[in-house]
């Protein structure tokens, strides 16, 4: 088995429908710019309440993807 290295980022997805949809929105958006996504872990959920009603579901997702050395060459913080 070969060894690998992974990057980890956190994203917050939102949805007016559900936490599941908020999670899906975060992963779907990440997939548009990141390759080789591996694991998404929901680490926090909350809702926005306005006028006594839930208006927005928010899910914080920790997402890992396979590290590509060439993708970070010349990267400056």
Protein backbone atom coordinates (compact mmCIF):
# COMPACT_ATOMS: atom_id res chain seq x y z
CA UNK A 1 0.00 0.00 0.00
CA UNK A 2 1.45 3.37 -0.94
CA UNK A 3 1.49 6.20 1.56
CA UNK A 4 -0.26 9.50 0.87
CA UNK A 5 -0.50 12.99 2.28
CA UNK A 6 -3.76 14.95 2.47
CA UNK A 7 -4.71 18.60 2.83
CA UNK A 8 -7.59 19.55 5.11
CA UNK A 9 -9.80 22.61 4.80
CA UNK A 10 -12.98 23.79 6.49
CA UNK A 11 -15.98 25.09 4.59
CA UNK A 12 -19.41 26.28 5.68
CA UNK A 13 -22.30 25.25 3.46
CA UNK A 14 -25.72 26.84 3.73
CA UNK A 15 -29.24 25.85 2.70
CA UNK A 16 -32.76 27.06 3.30
CA UNK A 17 -33.88 23.39 3.28
CA UNK A 18 -31.74 21.23 5.59
CA UNK A 19 -28.35 20.45 7.13
CA UNK A 20 -27.96 17.62 4.63
CA UNK A 21 -28.40 20.03 1.73
CA UNK A 22 -26.01 22.52 3.35
CA UNK A 23 -23.39 19.75 3.58
CA UNK A 24 -23.99 18.73 -0.02
CA UNK A 25 -23.66 22.35 -1.16
CA UNK A 26 -20.26 22.69 0.55
CA UNK A 27 -18.92 19.45 -0.96
CA UNK A 28 -20.32 20.18 -4.42
CA UNK A 29 -18.75 23.64 -4.45
CA UNK A 30 -15.38 22.29 -3.24
CA UNK A 31 -15.44 19.70 -6.03
CA UNK A 32 -15.49 22.47 -8.63
CA UNK A 33 -11.96 23.58 -7.69
CA UNK A 34 -10.37 20.69 -5.78
CA UNK A 35 -9.38 17.29 -7.12
CA UNK A 36 -9.31 13.94 -5.40
CA UNK A 37 -11.70 14.75 -2.55
CA UNK A 38 -11.59 12.01 0.08
CA UNK A 39 -13.57 12.59 3.28
CA UNK A 40 -16.04 15.22 4.46
CA UNK A 41 -16.70 15.36 8.19
CA UNK A 42 -19.49 17.48 9.61
CA UNK A 43 -17.99 19.24 12.61
CA UNK A 44 -20.67 21.77 13.48
CA UNK A 45 -24.27 22.58 12.63
CA UNK A 46 -26.34 25.63 13.42
CA UNK A 47 -29.34 27.54 12.16
CA UNK A 48 -30.23 31.17 11.61
CA UNK A 49 -33.49 32.11 13.31
CA UNK A 50 -35.52 35.12 12.23
CA UNK A 51 -38.96 35.94 13.60
CA UNK A 52 -39.03 32.68 15.53
CA UNK A 53 -38.49 30.59 12.38
CA UNK A 54 -35.47 28.81 10.95
CA UNK A 55 -34.42 30.68 7.82
CA UNK A 56 -31.06 29.06 7.09
CA UNK A 57 -29.25 25.81 7.95
CA UNK A 58 -25.46 26.02 8.18
CA UNK A 59 -23.02 23.12 8.31
CA UNK A 60 -19.29 23.43 8.92
CA UNK A 61 -17.50 20.66 7.02
CA UNK A 62 -13.88 19.52 7.37
CA UNK A 63 -12.87 18.25 3.94
CA UNK A 64 -9.73 16.33 2.98
CA UNK A 65 -8.20 15.97 -0.45
CA UNK A 66 -5.03 14.34 -1.70
CA UNK A 67 -1.99 16.61 -1.56
CA UNK A 68 -0.34 17.38 -4.89
CA UNK A 69 3.13 18.83 -4.47
CA UNK A 70 3.14 20.53 -7.87
CA UNK A 71 -0.08 22.36 -7.03
CA UNK A 72 1.69 24.23 -4.22
CA UNK A 73 5.00 25.07 -5.87
CA UNK A 74 5.63 28.79 -5.63
CA UNK A 75 2.78 29.22 -3.13
CA UNK A 76 3.51 32.08 -0.71
CA UNK A 77 1.57 32.71 2.48
